[in-house]
Amino acid sequence: MSAGFGDWTLTGSMSTARMYHTASVLTNGKVLVVGGSSMYDILNSAELYDPSTGMWTKTGSMSTTRYYHTASILTNGKVLVAGGCTDFLVYLNSAELYDPSTGMWTKTGNMSAARCYHAASVLTNGKVLVVGGSSMYDILNSAELYDPSTGRWTNTGSMNAARYWHTASVLTNGKVLVAGGLGIYGYLNSAELYDPSTGMWTNTGSMSTARYLHTASVLTNGKVLVAGGAASISYSNSTELYDPSTGTWTNASSMSIARHYHTASVLTNGKVLVAGGLGIYGYLNSAELYQP
């Protein structure tokens, strides 16, 4: 095992096999897994993982089956699930709220646009920004804001480029960096900044590599690490760093394995754990650590 890597141990299994789901760390420390797709079905079920026991328990189910949705932890501790797709690739504009204190779901306001493969970010003012994605017939550049105090959505400024399978990162200055994705004319290396104080988008520096299904991690120094992804028929092991103070990208060291559909997590020690995904030769169980 390479230096700097830890050991993996098995823990309790979920009651339902699923992919294209979401996982959210609740304020009580438990992990809520919601929706997704199984071998034959789209799911509305949800499960809770208890780190203290390593066990999963079922909790309330959503009213709508969905996958490729987003899940956002609100400042009041509830979880907002928005959009996604359901059976027969029907795109959803519906949203639901999970209350950890009751284990129940309630419907909340609908988005103005049905969308799948979008991104959601909790802003410093507590509102949730949902941006981009794909609808039944279009790739979207639109964005909407959810206000937890009213349960309603309002339209905000649209991105300069329509995109899906992009990333959205809340910077330390409160702005949101959207990078990459798939656009109307192909793979994107462009990036944009959303300013919550104005509701407007401005272009910022472009990545050196067009990519989608990558990850973006806000480091403890405020920079954003973008890793992996896909473009054309190839998968990438390249990584880049965005510096908000200059609006420019610089290449960082490459991962050992090219991957997309992976996850990236910023650890308490500041390192970034990249795990799994799909590589050149199939599904991956490998993991790598990035040291800023």
C-alpha atoms as a PDB file:
ATOM      1  CA  MET A   1       0.000   0.000   0.000  1.00  0.00           C
ATOM      2  CA  SER A   2       1.323   3.427  -0.938  1.00  0.00           C
ATOM      3  CA  ALA A   3       2.559   5.750   1.755  1.00  0.00           C
ATOM      4  CA  GLY A   4      -0.081   8.190   2.950  1.00  0.00           C
ATOM      5  CA  PHE A   5      -2.969   5.813   2.249  1.00  0.00           C
ATOM      6  CA  GLY A   6      -5.071   4.256   4.987  1.00  0.00           C
ATOM      7  CA  ASP A   7      -6.921   0.977   5.232  1.00  0.00           C
ATOM      8  CA  TRP A   8     -10.456   0.233   4.055  1.00  0.00           C
ATOM      9  CA  THR A   9     -12.832  -1.888   6.116  1.00  0.00           C
ATOM     10  CA  LEU A  10     -16.279  -3.163   5.233  1.00  0.00           C
ATOM     11  CA  THR A  11     -19.244  -1.722   7.099  1.00  0.00           C
ATOM     12  CA  GLY A  12     -22.953  -2.509   7.097  1.00  0.00           C
ATOM     13  CA  SER A  13     -24.676  -2.860   3.719  1.00  0.00           C
ATOM     14  CA  MET A  14     -27.677  -0.843   2.594  1.00  0.00           C
ATOM     15  CA  SER A  15     -30.963  -2.721   2.355  1.00  0.00           C
ATOM     16  CA  THR A  16     -31.258  -1.760  -1.322  1.00  0.00           C
ATOM     17  CA  ALA A  17     -28.551  -1.774  -3.994  1.00  0.00           C
ATOM     18  CA  ARG A  18     -28.577   1.579  -5.787  1.00  0.00           C
ATOM     19  CA  MET A  19     -26.633   3.942  -8.031  1.00  0.00           C
ATOM     20  CA  TYR A  20     -27.129   7.546  -9.187  1.00  0.00           C
ATOM     21  CA  HIS A  21     -28.377   8.331  -5.656  1.00  0.00           C
ATOM     22  CA  THR A  22     -27.341  11.077  -3.251  1.00  0.00           C
ATOM     23  CA  ALA A  23     -25.674  10.872   0.163  1.00  0.00           C
ATOM     24  CA  SER A  24     -25.847  13.674   2.737  1.00  0.00           C
ATOM     25  CA  VAL A  25     -24.186  13.997   6.143  1.00  0.00           C
ATOM     26  CA  LEU A  26     -26.882  15.243   8.519  1.00  0.00           C
ATOM     27  CA  THR A  27     -26.239  17.586  11.433  1.00  0.00           C
ATOM     28  CA  ASN A  28     -26.651  14.626  13.812  1.00  0.00           C
ATOM     29  CA  GLY A  29     -23.781  12.850  12.059  1.00  0.00           C
ATOM     30  CA  LYS A  30     -25.860  10.212  10.325  1.00  0.00           C
ATOM     31  CA  VAL A  31     -25.783   9.814   6.539  1.00  0.00           C
ATOM     32  CA  LEU A  32     -28.985   9.994   4.484  1.00  0.00           C
ATOM     33  CA  VAL A  33     -28.971   8.075   1.197  1.00  0.00           C
ATOM     34  CA  VAL A  34     -31.881   8.861  -1.109  1.00  0.00           C
ATOM     35  CA  GLY A  35     -33.330   7.565  -4.360  1.00  0.00           C
ATOM     36  CA  GLY A  36     -31.282   6.362  -7.292  1.00  0.00           C
ATOM     37  CA  SER A  37     -31.636   3.414  -9.612  1.00  0.00           C
ATOM     38  CA  SER A  38     -31.516  -0.306  -8.895  1.00  0.00           C
ATOM     39  CA  MET A  39     -31.236  -3.073 -11.459  1.00  0.00           C
ATOM     40  CA  TYR A  40     -34.824  -2.728 -12.645  1.00  0.00           C
ATOM     41  CA  ASP A  41     -36.401   0.210 -10.821  1.00  0.00           C
ATOM     42  CA  ILE A  42     -36.101   3.899 -10.070  1.00  0.00           C
ATOM     43  CA  LEU A  43     -36.228   4.324  -6.285  1.00  0.00           C
ATOM     44  CA  ASN A  44     -37.980   6.622  -3.835  1.00  0.00           C
ATOM     45  CA  SER A  45     -36.628   4.847  -0.765  1.00  0.00           C
ATOM     46  CA  ALA A  46     -34.203   6.358   1.737  1.00  0.00           C
ATOM     47  CA  GLU A  47     -31.865   4.909   4.344  1.00  0.00           C
ATOM     48  CA  LEU A  48     -29.868   6.225   7.290  1.00  0.00           C
ATOM     49  CA  TYR A  49     -26.315   5.160   8.150  1.00  0.00           C
ATOM     50  CA  ASP A  50     -25.255   5.415  11.775  1.00  0.00           C
ATOM     51  CA  PRO A  51     -21.446   5.757  12.041  1.00  0.00           C
ATOM     52  CA  SER A  52     -21.549   4.727  15.709  1.00  0.00           C
ATOM     53  CA  THR A  53     -22.967   1.286  14.884  1.00  0.00           C
ATOM     54  CA  GLY A  54     -22.058   0.864  11.217  1.00  0.00           C
ATOM     55  CA  MET A  55     -25.654  -0.094  10.513  1.00  0.00           C
ATOM     56  CA  TRP A  56     -28.309   1.144   8.087  1.00  0.00           C
ATOM     57  CA  THR A  57     -31.981   1.675   8.925  1.00  0.00           C
ATOM     58  CA  LYS A  58     -34.824   2.522   6.591  1.00  0.00           C
ATOM     59  CA  THR A  59     -36.439   5.929   6.921  1.00  0.00           C
ATOM     60  CA  GLY A  60     -39.376   7.605   5.189  1.00  0.00           C
ATOM     61  CA  SER A  61     -39.629   7.336   1.404  1.00  0.00           C
ATOM     62  CA  MET A  62     -39.972  10.257  -0.977  1.00  0.00           C
ATOM     63  CA  SER A  63     -43.314  10.727  -2.717  1.00  0.00           C
ATOM     64  CA  THR A  64     -41.589  10.528  -6.110  1.00  0.00           C
ATOM     65  CA  THR A  65     -39.044   8.049  -7.448  1.00  0.00           C
ATOM     66  CA  ARG A  66     -35.993   9.868  -8.804  1.00  0.00           C
ATOM     67  CA  TYR A  67     -32.333   9.596  -9.742  1.00  0.00           C
ATOM     68  CA  TYR A  68     -29.733  12.119 -10.895  1.00  0.00           C
ATOM     69  CA  HIS A  69     -31.360  14.564  -8.464  1.00  0.00           C
ATOM     70  CA  THR A  70     -29.590  16.852  -5.997  1.00  0.00           C
ATOM     71  CA  ALA A  71     -29.729  16.830  -2.189  1.00  0.00           C
ATOM     72  CA  SER A  72     -28.808  19.905  -0.141  1.00  0.00           C
ATOM     73  CA  ILE A  73     -28.446  20.285   3.640  1.00  0.00           C
ATOM     74  CA  LEU A  74     -30.310  23.442   4.666  1.00  0.00           C
ATOM     75  CA  THR A  75     -29.244  25.631   7.574  1.00  0.00           C
ATOM     76  CA  ASN A  76     -32.236  24.329   9.569  1.00  0.00           C
ATOM     77  CA  GLY A  77     -30.932  20.769   9.203  1.00  0.00           C
ATOM     78  CA  LYS A  78     -33.563  19.599   6.741  1.00  0.00           C
ATOM     79  CA  VAL A  79     -32.597  18.101   3.373  1.00  0.00           C
ATOM     80  CA  LEU A  80     -33.889  19.554   0.101  1.00  0.00           C
ATOM     81  CA  VAL A  81     -34.115  17.071  -2.775  1.00  0.00           C
ATOM     82  CA  ALA A  82     -34.766  18.685  -6.153  1.00  0.00           C
ATOM     83  CA  GLY A  83     -35.367  17.571  -9.717  1.00  0.00           C
ATOM     84  CA  GLY A  84     -33.884  14.501 -11.323  1.00  0.00           C
ATOM     85  CA  CYS A  85     -35.426  11.919 -13.609  1.00  0.00           C
ATOM     86  CA  THR A  86     -37.960   9.183 -12.966  1.00  0.00           C
ATOM     87  CA  ASP A  87     -39.369   6.235 -14.923  1.00  0.00           C
ATOM     88  CA  PHE A  88     -39.218   6.411 -18.718  1.00  0.00           C
ATOM     89  CA  LEU A  89     -36.740   9.309 -18.425  1.00  0.00           C
ATOM     90  CA  VAL A  90     -39.391  11.785 -17.320  1.00  0.00           C
ATOM     91  CA  TYR A  91     -37.694  14.963 -16.096  1.00  0.00           C
ATOM     92  CA  LEU A  92     -38.861  16.383 -12.759  1.00  0.00           C
ATOM     93  CA  ASN A  93     -39.374  19.906 -11.445  1.00  0.00           C
ATOM     94  CA  SER A  94     -40.658  18.706  -8.077  1.00  0.00           C
ATOM     95  CA  ALA A  95     -38.839  19.098  -4.770  1.00  0.00           C
ATOM     96  CA  GLU A  96     -39.213  17.484  -1.351  1.00  0.00           C
ATOM     97  CA  LEU A  97     -37.968  18.171   2.172  1.00  0.00           C
ATOM     98  CA  TYR A  98     -36.694  15.532   4.605  1.00  0.00           C
ATOM     99  CA  ASP A  99     -36.986  16.270   8.315  1.00  0.00           C
ATOM    100  CA  PRO A 100     -34.431  14.256  10.325  1.00  0.00           C
ATOM    101  CA  SER A 101     -36.430  14.803  13.524  1.00  0.00           C
ATOM    102  CA  THR A 102     -39.449  12.911  12.141  1.00  0.00           C
ATOM    103  CA  GLY A 103     -37.953  10.838   9.321  1.00  0.00           C
ATOM    104  CA  MET A 104     -40.701  12.114   7.051  1.00  0.00           C
ATOM    105  CA  TRP A 105     -40.813  13.868   3.682  1.00  0.00           C
ATOM    106  CA  THR A 106     -43.029  16.790   2.700  1.00  0.00           C
ATOM    107  CA  LYS A 107     -43.505  18.331  -0.710  1.00  0.00           C
ATOM    108  CA  THR A 108     -42.273  21.879  -1.189  1.00  0.00           C
ATOM    109  CA  GLY A 109     -42.461  24.345  -4.074  1.00  0.00           C
ATOM    110  CA  ASN A 110     -41.757  23.156  -7.617  1.00  0.00           C
ATOM    111  CA  MET A 111     -38.915  24.553  -9.691  1.00  0.00           C
ATOM    112  CA  SER A 112     -39.947  26.527 -12.774  1.00  0.00           C
ATOM    113  CA  ALA A 113     -37.922  24.144 -14.967  1.00  0.00           C
ATOM    114  CA  ALA A 114     -37.806  20.360 -14.886  1.00  0.00           C
ATOM    115  CA  ARG A 115     -34.144  19.390 -14.811  1.00  0.00           C
ATOM    116  CA  CYS A 116     -31.809  16.433 -14.433  1.00  0.00           C
ATOM    117  CA  TYR A 117     -27.979  16.286 -14.223  1.00  0.00           C
ATOM    118  CA  HIS A 118     -27.967  19.775 -12.648  1.00  0.00           C
ATOM    119  CA  ALA A 119     -25.992  21.148  -9.688  1.00  0.00           C
ATOM    120  CA  ALA A 120     -27.161  22.609  -6.381  1.00  0.00           C
ATOM    121  CA  SER A 121     -25.282  24.821  -3.911  1.00  0.00           C
ATOM    122  CA  VAL A 122     -26.235  26.152  -0.472  1.00  0.00           C
ATOM    123  CA  LEU A 123     -25.330  29.844  -0.451  1.00  0.00           C
ATOM    124  CA  THR A 124     -24.029  31.728   2.564  1.00  0.00           C
ATOM    125  CA  ASN A 125     -27.462  33.395   2.919  1.00  0.00           C
ATOM    126  CA  GLY A 126     -29.082  29.966   3.323  1.00  0.00           C
ATOM    127  CA  LYS A 127     -30.790  29.894  -0.055  1.00  0.00           C
ATOM    128  CA  VAL A 128     -30.146  27.056  -2.509  1.00  0.00           C
ATOM    129  CA  LEU A 129     -28.922  27.788  -6.032  1.00  0.00           C
ATOM    130  CA  VAL A 130     -29.879  25.197  -8.641  1.00  0.00           C
ATOM    131  CA  VAL A 131     -28.196  25.691 -11.992  1.00  0.00           C
ATOM    132  CA  GLY A 132     -28.069  24.113 -15.436  1.00  0.00           C
ATOM    133  CA  GLY A 133     -28.874  20.532 -16.230  1.00  0.00           C
ATOM    134  CA  SER A 134     -30.856  18.918 -18.986  1.00  0.00           C
ATOM    135  CA  SER A 135     -34.579  18.998 -19.689  1.00  0.00           C
ATOM    136  CA  MET A 136     -36.524  16.718 -21.996  1.00  0.00           C
ATOM    137  CA  TYR A 137     -35.466  18.602 -25.109  1.00  0.00           C
ATOM    138  CA  ASP A 138     -32.849  21.164 -24.090  1.00  0.00           C
ATOM    139  CA  ILE A 139     -29.615  21.739 -22.246  1.00  0.00           C
ATOM    140  CA  LEU A 140     -30.279  24.485 -19.704  1.00  0.00           C
ATOM    141  CA  ASN A 141     -28.462  27.669 -18.756  1.00  0.00           C
ATOM    142  CA  SER A 142     -31.177  28.767 -16.344  1.00  0.00           C
ATOM    143  CA  ALA A 143     -30.768  29.044 -12.584  1.00  0.00           C
ATOM    144  CA  GLU A 144     -33.227  29.181  -9.698  1.00  0.00           C
ATOM    145  CA  LEU A 145     -33.089  30.061  -6.008  1.00  0.00           C
ATOM    146  CA  TYR A 146     -34.947  28.168  -3.281  1.00  0.00           C
ATOM    147  CA  ASP A 147     -35.845  30.121  -0.154  1.00  0.00           C
ATOM    148  CA  PRO A 148     -36.289  27.779   2.839  1.00  0.00           C
ATOM    149  CA  SER A 149     -38.256  30.444   4.717  1.00  0.00           C
ATOM    150  CA  THR A 150     -41.012  30.495   2.079  1.00  0.00           C
ATOM    151  CA  GLY A 151     -40.606  27.144   0.332  1.00  0.00           C
ATOM    152  CA  ARG A 152     -40.683  28.916  -3.011  1.00  0.00           C
ATOM    153  CA  TRP A 153     -38.365  29.152  -6.017  1.00  0.00           C
ATOM    154  CA  THR A 154     -37.472  32.321  -7.901  1.00  0.00           C
ATOM    155  CA  ASN A 155     -35.568  32.638 -11.154  1.00  0.00           C
ATOM    156  CA  THR A 156     -32.168  34.291 -11.040  1.00  0.00           C
ATOM    157  CA  GLY A 157     -29.651  35.204 -13.732  1.00  0.00           C
ATOM    158  CA  SER A 158     -28.864  32.597 -16.381  1.00  0.00           C
ATOM    159  CA  MET A 159     -25.393  31.280 -17.128  1.00  0.00           C
ATOM    160  CA  ASN A 160     -23.640  32.384 -20.293  1.00  0.00           C
ATOM    161  CA  ALA A 161     -23.342  28.748 -21.417  1.00  0.00           C
ATOM    162  CA  ALA A 162     -25.952  26.007 -21.129  1.00  0.00           C
ATOM    163  CA  ARG A 163     -24.409  22.942 -19.493  1.00  0.00           C
ATOM    164  CA  TYR A 164     -25.044  19.721 -17.582  1.00  0.00           C
ATOM    165  CA  TRP A 165     -22.822  17.271 -15.702  1.00  0.00           C
ATOM    166  CA  HIS A 166     -20.863  20.323 -14.537  1.00  0.00           C
ATOM    167  CA  THR A 167     -19.705  21.192 -11.030  1.00  0.00           C
ATOM    168  CA  ALA A 168     -20.738  24.077  -8.777  1.00  0.00           C
ATOM    169  CA  SER A 169     -18.582  25.167  -5.829  1.00  0.00           C
ATOM    170  CA  VAL A 170     -19.290  27.809  -3.183  1.00  0.00           C
ATOM    171  CA  LEU A 171     -16.114  29.857  -2.778  1.00  0.00           C
ATOM    172  CA  THR A 172     -14.947  31.410   0.478  1.00  0.00           C
ATOM    173  CA  ASN A 173     -16.060  34.826  -0.840  1.00  0.00           C
ATOM    174  CA  GLY A 174     -19.625  33.521  -1.246  1.00  0.00           C
ATOM    175  CA  LYS A 175     -19.601  33.383  -5.027  1.00  0.00           C
ATOM    176  CA  VAL A 176     -20.320  30.132  -6.889  1.00  0.00           C
ATOM    177  CA  LEU A 177     -17.878  28.700  -9.425  1.00  0.00           C
ATOM    178  CA  VAL A 178     -19.432  26.562 -12.171  1.00  0.00           C
ATOM    179  CA  ALA A 179     -16.931  24.659 -14.316  1.00  0.00           C
ATOM    180  CA  GLY A 180     -16.991  22.356 -17.320  1.00  0.00           C
ATOM    181  CA  GLY A 181     -19.816  20.064 -18.301  1.00  0.00           C
ATOM    182  CA  LEU A 182     -21.493  19.134 -21.547  1.00  0.00           C
ATOM    183  CA  GLY A 183     -22.915  21.941 -23.654  1.00  0.00           C
ATOM    184  CA  ILE A 184     -24.926  22.360 -26.816  1.00  0.00           C
ATOM    185  CA  TYR A 185     -21.825  22.129 -28.987  1.00  0.00           C
ATOM    186  CA  GLY A 186     -19.855  19.579 -26.993  1.00  0.00           C
ATOM    187  CA  TYR A 187     -17.489  19.377 -24.053  1.00  0.00           C
ATOM    188  CA  LEU A 188     -16.769  22.556 -22.101  1.00  0.00           C
ATOM    189  CA  ASN A 189     -13.653  23.975 -20.492  1.00  0.00           C
ATOM    190  CA  SER A 190     -15.339  27.269 -19.658  1.00  0.00           C
ATOM    191  CA  ALA A 191     -16.117  28.474 -16.145  1.00  0.00           C
ATOM    192  CA  GLU A 192     -18.459  31.090 -14.720  1.00  0.00           C
ATOM    193  CA  LEU A 193     -18.966  32.895 -11.420  1.00  0.00           C
ATOM    194  CA  TYR A 194     -22.347  33.603  -9.824  1.00  0.00           C
ATOM    195  CA  ASP A 195     -22.594  36.606  -7.508  1.00  0.00           C
ATOM    196  CA  PRO A 196     -25.484  36.186  -5.042  1.00  0.00           C
ATOM    197  CA  SER A 197     -25.487  39.917  -4.314  1.00  0.00           C
ATOM    198  CA  THR A 198     -26.381  40.753  -7.926  1.00  0.00           C
ATOM    199  CA  GLY A 199     -27.844  37.504  -9.247  1.00  0.00           C
ATOM    200  CA  MET A 200     -25.555  37.771 -12.260  1.00  0.00           C
ATOM    201  CA  TRP A 201     -22.987  35.503 -13.917  1.00  0.00           C
ATOM    202  CA  THR A 202     -19.580  36.542 -15.242  1.00  0.00           C
ATOM    203  CA  ASN A 203     -17.107  34.477 -17.212  1.00  0.00           C
ATOM    204  CA  THR A 204     -13.842  33.622 -15.514  1.00  0.00           C
ATOM    205  CA  GLY A 205     -10.721  31.820 -16.709  1.00  0.00           C
ATOM    206  CA  SER A 206     -11.194  28.595 -18.652  1.00  0.00           C
ATOM    207  CA  MET A 207      -9.708  25.256 -17.676  1.00  0.00           C
ATOM    208  CA  SER A 208      -6.926  23.906 -19.871  1.00  0.00           C
ATOM    209  CA  THR A 209      -8.940  20.710 -20.411  1.00  0.00           C
ATOM    210  CA  ALA A 210     -12.610  20.374 -21.340  1.00  0.00           C
ATOM    211  CA  ARG A 211     -14.266  17.881 -19.011  1.00  0.00           C
ATOM    212  CA  TYR A 212     -17.562  16.628 -17.615  1.00  0.00           C
ATOM    213  CA  LEU A 213     -18.479  14.200 -14.815  1.00  0.00           C
ATOM    214  CA  HIS A 214     -15.428  15.509 -12.956  1.00  0.00           C
ATOM    215  CA  THR A 215     -15.222  16.611  -9.326  1.00  0.00           C
ATOM    216  CA  ALA A 216     -14.518  20.008  -7.795  1.00  0.00           C
ATOM    217  CA  SER A 217     -13.290  20.452  -4.219  1.00  0.00           C
ATOM    218  CA  VAL A 218     -12.845  23.714  -2.305  1.00  0.00           C
ATOM    219  CA  LEU A 219      -9.524  23.410  -0.484  1.00  0.00           C
ATOM    220  CA  THR A 220      -8.740  24.904   2.907  1.00  0.00           C
ATOM    221  CA  ASN A 221      -6.656  27.590   1.154  1.00  0.00           C
ATOM    222  CA  GLY A 222      -9.709  28.692  -0.846  1.00  0.00           C
ATOM    223  CA  LYS A 223      -8.559  27.297  -4.177  1.00  0.00           C
ATOM    224  CA  VAL A 224     -10.681  24.785  -6.111  1.00  0.00           C
ATOM    225  CA  LEU A 225      -9.278  21.439  -7.222  1.00  0.00           C
ATOM    226  CA  VAL A 226     -10.916  19.965 -10.324  1.00  0.00           C
ATOM    227  CA  ALA A 227     -10.050  16.309 -10.941  1.00  0.00           C
ATOM    228  CA  GLY A 228     -10.628  13.778 -13.682  1.00  0.00           C
ATOM    229  CA  GLY A 229     -13.743  13.587 -15.784  1.00  0.00           C
ATOM    230  CA  ALA A 230     -14.348  12.693 -19.393  1.00  0.00           C
ATOM    231  CA  ALA A 231     -14.090  14.427 -22.741  1.00  0.00           C
ATOM    232  CA  SER A 232     -14.819  12.908 -26.114  1.00  0.00           C
ATOM    233  CA  ILE A 233     -14.130   9.172 -25.836  1.00  0.00           C
ATOM    234  CA  SER A 234     -11.285   9.493 -23.339  1.00  0.00           C
ATOM    235  CA  TYR A 235     -11.184   9.688 -19.554  1.00  0.00           C
ATOM    236  CA  SER A 236      -8.859  12.089 -17.797  1.00  0.00           C
ATOM    237  CA  ASN A 237      -6.441  11.766 -14.895  1.00  0.00           C
ATOM    238  CA  SER A 238      -5.501  15.439 -15.074  1.00  0.00           C
ATOM    239  CA  THR A 239      -6.240  17.949 -12.327  1.00  0.00           C
ATOM    240  CA  GLU A 240      -6.332  21.733 -12.228  1.00  0.00           C
ATOM    241  CA  LEU A 241      -6.435  24.409  -9.537  1.00  0.00           C
ATOM    242  CA  TYR A 242      -8.593  27.529  -9.718  1.00  0.00           C
ATOM    243  CA  ASP A 243      -7.379  30.583  -7.826  1.00  0.00           C
ATOM    244  CA  PRO A 244     -10.288  32.927  -6.985  1.00  0.00           C
ATOM    245  CA  SER A 245      -7.891  35.812  -6.353  1.00  0.00           C
ATOM    246  CA  THR A 246      -6.682  35.768  -9.966  1.00  0.00           C
ATOM    247  CA  GLY A 247      -9.507  33.995 -11.792  1.00  0.00           C
ATOM    248  CA  THR A 248      -7.024  31.664 -13.457  1.00  0.00           C
ATOM    249  CA  TRP A 249      -6.330  27.923 -13.559  1.00  0.00           C
ATOM    250  CA  THR A 250      -3.016  26.120 -13.182  1.00  0.00           C
ATOM    251  CA  ASN A 251      -2.323  22.467 -13.855  1.00  0.00           C
ATOM    252  CA  ALA A 252      -1.749  20.281 -10.800  1.00  0.00           C
ATOM    253  CA  SER A 253      -0.244  16.814 -10.535  1.00  0.00           C
ATOM    254  CA  SER A 254      -2.174  14.070 -12.309  1.00  0.00           C
ATOM    255  CA  MET A 255      -3.970  11.226 -10.585  1.00  0.00           C
ATOM    256  CA  SER A 256      -2.557   7.735 -10.986  1.00  0.00           C
ATOM    257  CA  ILE A 257      -5.725   6.522 -12.706  1.00  0.00           C
ATOM    258  CA  ALA A 258      -7.990   8.261 -15.221  1.00  0.00           C
ATOM    259  CA  ARG A 259     -11.552   8.276 -13.935  1.00  0.00           C
ATOM    260  CA  HIS A 260     -14.979   9.884 -14.196  1.00  0.00           C
ATOM    261  CA  TYR A 261     -18.196   9.378 -12.209  1.00  0.00           C
ATOM    262  CA  HIS A 262     -15.974   9.337  -9.103  1.00  0.00           C
ATOM    263  CA  THR A 263     -16.329  11.205  -5.816  1.00  0.00           C
ATOM    264  CA  ALA A 264     -14.023  13.655  -4.050  1.00  0.00           C
ATOM    265  CA  SER A 265     -14.098  14.557  -0.357  1.00  0.00           C
ATOM    266  CA  VAL A 266     -12.078  17.181   1.520  1.00  0.00           C
ATOM    267  CA  LEU A 267     -10.836  15.563   4.734  1.00  0.00           C
ATOM    268  CA  THR A 268     -10.353  17.331   8.058  1.00  0.00           C
ATOM    269  CA  ASN A 269      -6.578  17.246   7.504  1.00  0.00           C
ATOM    270  CA  GLY A 270      -7.006  19.209   4.264  1.00  0.00           C
ATOM    271  CA  LYS A 271      -6.244  16.329   1.925  1.00  0.00           C
ATOM    272  CA  VAL A 272      -8.687  15.334  -0.831  1.00  0.00           C
ATOM    273  CA  LEU A 273      -9.851  11.738  -1.109  1.00  0.00           C
ATOM    274  CA  VAL A 274     -10.840  10.678  -4.629  1.00  0.00           C
ATOM    275  CA  ALA A 275     -12.569   7.309  -4.817  1.00  0.00           C
ATOM    276  CA  GLY A 276     -14.070   4.937  -7.360  1.00  0.00           C
ATOM    277  CA  GLY A 277     -15.600   5.937 -10.644  1.00  0.00           C
ATOM    278  CA  LEU A 278     -15.403   4.506 -14.121  1.00  0.00           C
ATOM    279  CA  GLY A 279     -12.044   4.109 -15.844  1.00  0.00           C
ATOM    280  CA  ILE A 280     -10.671   2.876 -19.138  1.00  0.00           C
ATOM    281  CA  TYR A 281     -11.033  -0.776 -18.171  1.00  0.00           C
ATOM    282  CA  GLY A 282     -14.263  -0.592 -16.184  1.00  0.00           C
ATOM    283  CA  TYR A 283     -15.487   0.231 -12.704  1.00  0.00           C
ATOM    284  CA  LEU A 284     -12.879   1.258 -10.134  1.00  0.00           C
ATOM    285  CA  ASN A 285     -12.432   0.433  -6.467  1.00  0.00           C
ATOM    286  CA  SER A 286      -9.194   2.390  -6.204  1.00  0.00           C
ATOM    287  CA  ALA A 287      -8.771   5.580  -4.196  1.00  0.00           C
ATOM    288  CA  GLU A 288      -6.179   8.344  -4.188  1.00  0.00           C
ATOM    289  CA  LEU A 289      -5.200  11.175  -1.866  1.00  0.00           C
ATOM    290  CA  TYR A 290      -4.260  14.698  -2.989  1.00  0.00           C
ATOM    291  CA  GLN A 291      -2.018  16.747  -0.718  1.00  0.00           C
ATOM    292  CA  PRO A 292      -2.432  20.517  -1.386  1.00  0.00           C
END
